[in-house]
C-alpha atoms as a PDB file:
ATOM      1  CA  MET A   1      94.943  12.041  -3.407  1.00  0.00           C
ATOM      2  CA  SER A   2      92.282  13.178  -5.679  1.00  0.00           C
ATOM      3  CA  ASN A   3      90.395  10.754  -8.230  1.00  0.00           C
ATOM      4  CA  PRO A   4      89.254  12.747 -11.164  1.00  0.00           C
ATOM      5  CA  ALA A   5      85.807  11.939 -12.806  1.00  0.00           C
ATOM      6  CA  GLN A   6      84.773  11.534 -16.339  1.00  0.00           C
ATOM      7  CA  VAL A   7      81.381  12.176 -17.480  1.00  0.00           C
ATOM      8  CA  ILE A   8      80.557  10.186 -20.565  1.00  0.00           C
ATOM      9  CA  ARG A   9      77.123  11.208 -22.364  1.00  0.00           C
ATOM     10  CA  PRO A  10      76.095   8.655 -24.895  1.00  0.00           C
ATOM     11  CA  PRO A  11      74.862   9.897 -28.094  1.00  0.00           C
ATOM     12  CA  ASN A  12      71.278  10.551 -28.634  1.00  0.00           C
ATOM     13  CA  THR A  13      70.216   7.993 -31.309  1.00  0.00           C
ATOM     14  CA  LEU A  14      66.572   8.347 -30.710  1.00  0.00           C
ATOM     15  CA  ARG A  15      66.349  11.875 -31.878  1.00  0.00           C
ATOM     16  CA  MET A  16      68.450  10.803 -35.012  1.00  0.00           C
ATOM     17  CA  LYS A  17      65.806   8.115 -35.677  1.00  0.00           C
ATOM     18  CA  VAL A  18      62.757  10.364 -35.322  1.00  0.00           C
ATOM     19  CA  GLY A  19      64.080  13.101 -37.378  1.00  0.00           C
ATOM     20  CA  GLY A  20      65.255  15.688 -34.982  1.00  0.00           C
ATOM     21  CA  GLY A  21      63.532  17.466 -32.288  1.00  0.00           C
ATOM     22  CA  PHE A  22      60.359  16.474 -30.779  1.00  0.00           C
ATOM     23  CA  GLY A  23      58.612  19.967 -30.531  1.00  0.00           C
ATOM     24  CA  GLY A  24      57.508  20.185 -34.191  1.00  0.00           C
ATOM     25  CA  ILE A  25      53.986  18.895 -35.368  1.00  0.00           C
ATOM     26  CA  ASP A  26      53.732  18.815 -39.138  1.00  0.00           C
ATOM     27  CA  ALA A  27      50.915  20.514 -40.240  1.00  0.00           C
ATOM     28  CA  GLY A  28      50.846  18.900 -43.738  1.00  0.00           C
ATOM     29  CA  ALA A  29      50.903  15.357 -42.210  1.00  0.00           C
ATOM     30  CA  ILE A  30      47.829  16.513 -40.078  1.00  0.00           C
ATOM     31  CA  ALA A  31      46.334  18.100 -42.947  1.00  0.00           C
ATOM     32  CA  LYS A  32      46.703  14.817 -45.080  1.00  0.00           C
ATOM     33  CA  ALA A  33      45.261  12.452 -42.437  1.00  0.00           C
ATOM     34  CA  GLU A  34      41.860  14.981 -42.070  1.00  0.00           C
ATOM     35  CA  GLN A  35      41.550  14.697 -45.687  1.00  0.00           C
ATOM     36  CA  ALA A  36      41.790  10.857 -45.569  1.00  0.00           C
ATOM     37  CA  LEU A  37      39.241  10.722 -42.834  1.00  0.00           C
ATOM     38  CA  GLN A  38      36.958  13.278 -44.744  1.00  0.00           C
ATOM     39  CA  ALA A  39      37.373  10.593 -47.635  1.00  0.00           C
ATOM     40  CA  MET A  40      36.534   7.968 -45.753  1.00  0.00           C
ATOM     41  CA  SER A  41      33.317   9.523 -43.869  1.00  0.00           C
ATOM     42  CA  SER A  42      30.716   8.422 -46.126  1.00  0.00           C
ATOM     43  CA  GLN A  43      31.593   4.588 -44.773  1.00  0.00           C
ATOM     44  CA  PHE A  44      31.224   5.809 -41.136  1.00  0.00           C
ATOM     45  CA  GLY A  45      27.621   4.914 -41.108  1.00  0.00           C
ATOM     46  CA  GLN A  46      27.965   1.346 -41.909  1.00  0.00           C
ATOM     47  CA  TRP A  47      31.075   0.840 -39.939  1.00  0.00           C
ATOM     48  CA  LEU A  48      29.120   2.248 -36.822  1.00  0.00           C
ATOM     49  CA  GLN A  49      26.376  -0.482 -37.931  1.00  0.00           C
ATOM     50  CA  ASP A  50      29.112  -3.217 -37.813  1.00  0.00           C
ATOM     51  CA  GLU A  51      30.116  -2.349 -34.362  1.00  0.00           C
ATOM     52  CA  ILE A  52      26.722  -2.249 -33.257  1.00  0.00           C
ATOM     53  CA  VAL A  53      25.865  -5.677 -34.753  1.00  0.00           C
ATOM     54  CA  LYS A  54      29.220  -7.064 -32.898  1.00  0.00           C
ATOM     55  CA  LEU A  55      27.704  -5.140 -29.608  1.00  0.00           C
ATOM     56  CA  ASP A  56      24.404  -7.013 -30.251  1.00  0.00           C
ATOM     57  CA  LYS A  57      26.085 -10.417 -30.586  1.00  0.00           C
ATOM     58  CA  ALA A  58      27.573  -9.811 -27.293  1.00  0.00           C
ATOM     59  CA  GLN A  59      24.382  -9.045 -25.602  1.00  0.00           C
ATOM     60  CA  ALA A  60      22.681 -12.073 -27.158  1.00  0.00           C
ATOM     61  CA  ASP A  61      25.298 -14.111 -26.114  1.00  0.00           C
ATOM     62  CA  ILE A  62      25.120 -12.916 -22.508  1.00  0.00           C
ATOM     63  CA  ARG A  63      21.476 -13.796 -22.871  1.00  0.00           C
ATOM     64  CA  THR A  64      21.894 -17.431 -24.162  1.00  0.00           C
ATOM     65  CA  SER A  65      25.109 -18.715 -22.252  1.00  0.00           C
ATOM     66  CA  GLY A  66      24.749 -16.738 -19.430  1.00  0.00           C
ATOM     67  CA  TYR A  67      27.073 -13.815 -18.032  1.00  0.00           C
ATOM     68  CA  ASN A  68      30.429 -15.671 -17.660  1.00  0.00           C
ATOM     69  CA  ALA A  69      33.959 -14.388 -17.801  1.00  0.00           C
ATOM     70  CA  ALA A  70      34.081 -15.315 -21.707  1.00  0.00           C
ATOM     71  CA  THR A  71      30.883 -13.161 -22.370  1.00  0.00           C
ATOM     72  CA  ALA A  72      31.542 -10.335 -20.226  1.00  0.00           C
ATOM     73  CA  GLU A  73      35.242 -10.077 -21.812  1.00  0.00           C
ATOM     74  CA  ALA A  74      33.538  -9.976 -25.352  1.00  0.00           C
ATOM     75  CA  LEU A  75      30.990  -7.492 -24.099  1.00  0.00           C
ATOM     76  CA  TYR A  76      34.016  -5.291 -22.714  1.00  0.00           C
ATOM     77  CA  PHE A  77      35.871  -5.445 -25.861  1.00  0.00           C
ATOM     78  CA  ARG A  78      33.195  -4.344 -27.790  1.00  0.00           C
ATOM     79  CA  ALA A  79      32.540  -1.407 -25.433  1.00  0.00           C
ATOM     80  CA  HIS A  80      36.237  -0.596 -25.318  1.00  0.00           C
ATOM     81  CA  ASP A  81      36.111  -0.394 -29.479  1.00  0.00           C
ATOM     82  CA  LEU A  82      32.929   1.653 -29.544  1.00  0.00           C
ATOM     83  CA  LYS A  83      34.528   4.246 -26.948  1.00  0.00           C
ATOM     84  CA  GLY A  84      37.644   4.485 -29.283  1.00  0.00           C
ATOM     85  CA  LEU A  85      35.456   4.838 -32.533  1.00  0.00           C
ATOM     86  CA  GLY A  86      32.249   6.641 -31.651  1.00  0.00           C
ATOM     87  CA  THR A  87      33.774  10.066 -31.833  1.00  0.00           C
ATOM     88  CA  THR A  88      35.862   9.016 -35.162  1.00  0.00           C
ATOM     89  CA  TYR A  89      32.222   8.002 -36.739  1.00  0.00           C
ATOM     90  CA  GLN A  90      30.822  11.332 -35.585  1.00  0.00           C
ATOM     91  CA  TYR A  91      29.078  10.071 -32.601  1.00  0.00           C
ATOM     92  CA  PRO A  92      30.424  11.395 -29.485  1.00  0.00           C
ATOM     93  CA  LEU A  93      27.733  10.173 -27.580  1.00  0.00           C
ATOM     94  CA  VAL A  94      28.596   6.533 -28.351  1.00  0.00           C
ATOM     95  CA  THR A  95      31.843   7.251 -27.052  1.00  0.00           C
ATOM     96  CA  ARG A  96      30.358   8.716 -23.633  1.00  0.00           C
ATOM     97  CA  LEU A  97      28.255   5.812 -23.272  1.00  0.00           C
ATOM     98  CA  ALA A  98      30.588   3.204 -24.245  1.00  0.00           C
ATOM     99  CA  GLY A  99      33.064   4.804 -21.719  1.00  0.00           C
ATOM    100  CA  SER A 100      30.716   4.848 -18.957  1.00  0.00           C
ATOM    101  CA  LEU A 101      30.098   1.063 -19.677  1.00  0.00           C
ATOM    102  CA  CYS A 102      34.039   0.454 -19.987  1.00  0.00           C
ATOM    103  CA  LYS A 103      34.644   2.176 -16.631  1.00  0.00           C
ATOM    104  CA  MET A 104      32.204  -0.379 -14.972  1.00  0.00           C
ATOM    105  CA  MET A 105      33.740  -3.228 -16.625  1.00  0.00           C
ATOM    106  CA  ASP A 106      37.663  -2.147 -16.771  1.00  0.00           C
ATOM    107  CA  ASP A 107      38.717  -3.938 -13.620  1.00  0.00           C
ATOM    108  CA  PRO A 108      38.329  -7.754 -14.863  1.00  0.00           C
ATOM    109  CA  ALA A 109      38.324  -8.778 -10.737  1.00  0.00           C
ATOM    110  CA  LYS A 110      35.057  -6.438 -10.645  1.00  0.00           C
ATOM    111  CA  ARG A 111      33.667  -7.026 -14.099  1.00  0.00           C
ATOM    112  CA  MET A 112      31.682 -10.105 -13.189  1.00  0.00           C
ATOM    113  CA  ALA A 113      29.687  -7.800 -10.563  1.00  0.00           C
ATOM    114  CA  ALA A 114      28.349  -5.492 -13.010  1.00  0.00           C
ATOM    115  CA  PRO A 115      24.320  -5.618 -12.653  1.00  0.00           C
ATOM    116  CA  LEU A 116      23.030  -7.137 -15.877  1.00  0.00           C
ATOM    117  CA  VAL A 117      20.647  -4.490 -15.872  1.00  0.00           C
ATOM    118  CA  LEU A 118      22.945  -1.972 -16.139  1.00  0.00           C
ATOM    119  CA  LEU A 119      24.916  -3.537 -18.935  1.00  0.00           C
ATOM    120  CA  ASP A 120      21.574  -3.791 -20.741  1.00  0.00           C
ATOM    121  CA  ALA A 121      20.733  -0.321 -20.369  1.00  0.00           C
ATOM    122  CA  HIS A 122      24.321   0.837 -21.700  1.00  0.00           C
ATOM    123  CA  ILE A 123      24.321  -1.414 -24.691  1.00  0.00           C
ATOM    124  CA  ASP A 124      20.477  -0.437 -25.662  1.00  0.00           C
ATOM    125  CA  ALA A 125      21.295   3.193 -24.890  1.00  0.00           C
ATOM    126  CA  ILE A 126      24.098   2.781 -27.583  1.00  0.00           C
ATOM    127  CA  LYS A 127      21.771   1.212 -30.159  1.00  0.00           C
ATOM    128  CA  ALA A 128      19.169   3.498 -29.428  1.00  0.00           C
ATOM    129  CA  VAL A 129      21.111   6.839 -30.070  1.00  0.00           C
ATOM    130  CA  VAL A 130      22.875   5.258 -33.116  1.00  0.00           C
ATOM    131  CA  ARG A 131      19.292   4.485 -34.564  1.00  0.00           C
ATOM    132  CA  ASP A 132      17.846   7.759 -33.841  1.00  0.00           C
ATOM    133  CA  GLN A 133      20.937   9.492 -35.192  1.00  0.00           C
ATOM    134  CA  ILE A 134      21.515  11.034 -31.390  1.00  0.00           C
ATOM    135  CA  GLN A 135      25.133  11.810 -32.131  1.00  0.00           C
ATOM    136  CA  THR A 136      25.922  14.382 -29.269  1.00  0.00           C
ATOM    137  CA  ASP A 137      25.035  15.177 -25.590  1.00  0.00           C
ATOM    138  CA  ASP A 138      23.549  18.210 -26.658  1.00  0.00           C
ATOM    139  CA  HIS A 139      20.487  16.466 -27.595  1.00  0.00           C
ATOM    140  CA  PRO A 140      18.340  16.429 -24.529  1.00  0.00           C
ATOM    141  CA  VAL A 141      17.565  12.693 -24.461  1.00  0.00           C
ATOM    142  CA  GLY A 142      21.352  12.065 -25.231  1.00  0.00           C
ATOM    143  CA  LYS A 143      22.201  14.338 -22.244  1.00  0.00           C
ATOM    144  CA  ILE A 144      19.737  12.399 -20.051  1.00  0.00           C
ATOM    145  CA  LEU A 145      20.861   9.014 -20.758  1.00  0.00           C
ATOM    146  CA  ALA A 146      24.597   9.598 -20.246  1.00  0.00           C
ATOM    147  CA  GLU A 147      24.130  11.298 -17.008  1.00  0.00           C
ATOM    148  CA  THR A 148      21.649   8.798 -16.001  1.00  0.00           C
ATOM    149  CA  LEU A 149      23.742   5.596 -16.930  1.00  0.00           C
ATOM    150  CA  GLU A 150      27.068   7.626 -15.552  1.00  0.00           C
ATOM    151  CA  ALA A 151      25.440   8.183 -12.277  1.00  0.00           C
ATOM    152  CA  ARG A 152      24.358   4.703 -12.101  1.00  0.00           C
ATOM    153  CA  VAL A 153      27.907   3.346 -12.906  1.00  0.00           C
ATOM    154  CA  ALA A 154      29.140   5.750 -10.312  1.00  0.00           C
ATOM    155  CA  ASP A 155      26.726   4.304  -7.607  1.00  0.00           C
ATOM    156  CA  HIS A 156      27.535   1.000  -8.683  1.00  0.00           C
ATOM    157  CA  ARG A 157      31.266   1.594  -8.093  1.00  0.00           C
ATOM    158  CA  SER A 158      31.127   3.235  -4.879  1.00  0.00           C
END
């Protein structure tokens, strides 16, 4: 005795909700986004300075209150924000340096083992490259800073 099987395929409602296939990229939407970023670019310098002020406060809080779970988390969030915003604000070197700092602090269980001198070195490097307008690691100082800090983080993590 054979039992016939029936295959039921549910409708793909996600495809209908997003407007069809996933393969096409709307070049017009990308162009509009790039124009909007260009229009805001005159404010990038101020916005980056605002982020540096927050980073400086996180460093000051560590110096006054000590390196504890709360101050470490605040610093991590500042670094994470800069990692995401640096390139947008035309400072890919800030993204790289903040990424190195994040790498050292990503794991909350190991965050408290981060050497304060290495945390300070990252923070001071970020502030220095913004102050001196060193935007990329094509600059010899920027390259040395990034490579040295990344090497120290790798040593610390191993």
